[in-house]
Amino acid sequence: MRQRKGRLKELEALETIAGKVERLTVHNGTGGLLNDLVKLRDG
């Protein structure tokens, strides 16, 4: 059940991002994308 909640949160985050950009290419999965976003926000 926890994995589903985590996956749902990832998909919601991607939906928010997708609504703000014209095109998005993901090369290393949603986990890599979300990790990179955290790095961008912290930096």
N, C-alpha and C. Protein backbone atom coordinates (compact mmCIF):
# COMPACT_ATOMS: atom_id res chain seq x y z
N MET A 1 0.83 -1.20 0.00
CA MET A 1 0.00 0.00 0.00
C MET A 1 0.87 1.26 0.00
N ARG A 2 1.97 1.23 0.75
CA ARG A 2 2.86 2.39 0.79
C ARG A 2 3.45 2.70 -0.58
N GLN A 3 3.78 1.63 -1.31
CA GLN A 3 4.36 1.82 -2.64
C GLN A 3 3.35 2.50 -3.55
N ARG A 4 2.09 2.15 -3.43
CA ARG A 4 1.06 2.79 -4.25
C ARG A 4 0.93 4.27 -3.93
N LYS A 5 0.96 4.60 -2.64
CA LYS A 5 0.86 6.01 -2.24
C LYS A 5 2.06 6.79 -2.75
N GLY A 6 3.24 6.19 -2.65
CA GLY A 6 4.45 6.84 -3.14
C GLY A 6 4.39 7.04 -4.64
N ARG A 7 3.93 6.03 -5.34
CA ARG A 7 3.81 6.10 -6.80
C ARG A 7 2.78 7.16 -7.20
N LEU A 8 1.68 7.22 -6.46
CA LEU A 8 0.65 8.22 -6.74
C LEU A 8 1.21 9.63 -6.57
N LYS A 9 1.99 9.83 -5.52
CA LYS A 9 2.60 11.15 -5.30
C LYS A 9 3.57 11.49 -6.43
N GLU A 10 4.33 10.51 -6.90
CA GLU A 10 5.24 10.74 -8.03
C GLU A 10 4.47 11.15 -9.27
N LEU A 11 3.38 10.45 -9.54
CA LEU A 11 2.58 10.76 -10.72
C LEU A 11 1.92 12.13 -10.61
N GLU A 12 1.48 12.50 -9.42
CA GLU A 12 0.90 13.83 -9.21
C GLU A 12 1.95 14.91 -9.43
N ALA A 13 3.17 14.66 -8.97
CA ALA A 13 4.25 15.63 -9.18
C ALA A 13 4.56 15.77 -10.66
N LEU A 14 4.60 14.65 -11.38
CA LEU A 14 4.85 14.70 -12.82
C LEU A 14 3.74 15.44 -13.56
N GLU A 15 2.51 15.25 -13.11
CA GLU A 15 1.38 15.95 -13.73
C GLU A 15 1.52 17.46 -13.54
N THR A 16 1.93 17.88 -12.36
CA THR A 16 2.15 19.30 -12.10
C THR A 16 3.24 19.86 -12.99
N ILE A 17 4.33 19.13 -13.11
CA ILE A 17 5.45 19.56 -13.96
C ILE A 17 5.01 19.63 -15.42
N ALA A 18 4.32 18.59 -15.87
CA ALA A 18 3.91 18.52 -17.28
C ALA A 18 2.99 19.68 -17.64
N GLY A 19 2.21 20.16 -16.69
CA GLY A 19 1.33 21.29 -16.95
C GLY A 19 2.07 22.60 -17.11
N LYS A 20 3.34 22.64 -16.71
CA LYS A 20 4.12 23.87 -16.75
C LYS A 20 5.15 23.92 -17.86
N VAL A 21 5.39 22.81 -18.52
CA VAL A 21 6.40 22.77 -19.57
C VAL A 21 5.78 22.31 -20.89
N GLU A 22 6.42 22.69 -21.97
CA GLU A 22 5.92 22.31 -23.29
C GLU A 22 6.30 20.87 -23.64
N ARG A 23 7.54 20.49 -23.30
CA ARG A 23 8.02 19.14 -23.62
C ARG A 23 8.95 18.68 -22.51
N LEU A 24 8.87 17.40 -22.17
CA LEU A 24 9.70 16.83 -21.11
C LEU A 24 10.18 15.46 -21.56
N THR A 25 11.50 15.26 -21.54
CA THR A 25 12.08 13.98 -21.90
C THR A 25 12.73 13.39 -20.65
N VAL A 26 12.32 12.19 -20.28
CA VAL A 26 12.83 11.52 -19.08
C VAL A 26 13.69 10.35 -19.54
N HIS A 27 14.97 10.34 -19.13
CA HIS A 27 15.88 9.29 -19.55
C HIS A 27 16.12 8.23 -18.50
N ASN A 28 16.00 8.57 -17.22
CA ASN A 28 16.30 7.56 -16.20
C ASN A 28 15.13 7.36 -15.23
N GLY A 29 13.92 7.42 -15.72
CA GLY A 29 12.74 7.10 -14.94
C GLY A 29 12.26 8.23 -14.04
N THR A 30 11.11 8.00 -13.45
CA THR A 30 10.53 9.03 -12.59
C THR A 30 11.37 9.27 -11.34
N GLY A 31 11.99 8.21 -10.83
CA GLY A 31 12.84 8.38 -9.64
C GLY A 31 13.98 9.33 -9.91
N GLY A 32 14.64 9.15 -11.05
CA GLY A 32 15.74 10.05 -11.43
C GLY A 32 15.25 11.46 -11.65
N LEU A 33 14.09 11.60 -12.28
CA LEU A 33 13.53 12.93 -12.52
C LEU A 33 13.24 13.63 -11.21
N LEU A 34 12.59 12.94 -10.30
CA LEU A 34 12.25 13.56 -9.02
C LEU A 34 13.49 13.88 -8.20
N ASN A 35 14.51 13.02 -8.24
CA ASN A 35 15.76 13.31 -7.54
C ASN A 35 16.41 14.56 -8.11
N ASP A 36 16.41 14.69 -9.43
CA ASP A 36 16.99 15.87 -10.07
C ASP A 36 16.21 17.13 -9.71
N LEU A 37 14.89 17.02 -9.61
CA LEU A 37 14.08 18.18 -9.23
C LEU A 37 14.41 18.64 -7.82
N VAL A 38 14.60 17.68 -6.93
CA VAL A 38 14.97 18.03 -5.55
C VAL A 38 16.30 18.76 -5.55
N LYS A 39 17.25 18.29 -6.35
CA LYS A 39 18.55 18.95 -6.44
C LYS A 39 18.40 20.38 -6.96
N LEU A 40 17.54 20.58 -7.95
CA LEU A 40 17.32 21.92 -8.50
C LEU A 40 16.69 22.84 -7.46
N ARG A 41 15.75 22.33 -6.70
CA ARG A 41 15.08 23.16 -5.70
C ARG A 41 16.03 23.52 -4.55
N ASP A 42 16.89 22.60 -4.16
CA ASP A 42 17.82 22.86 -3.07
C ASP A 42 18.94 23.80 -3.50
N GLY A 43 19.28 23.79 -4.76
CA GLY A 43 20.41 24.56 -5.28
C GLY A 43 20.09 25.92 -5.59
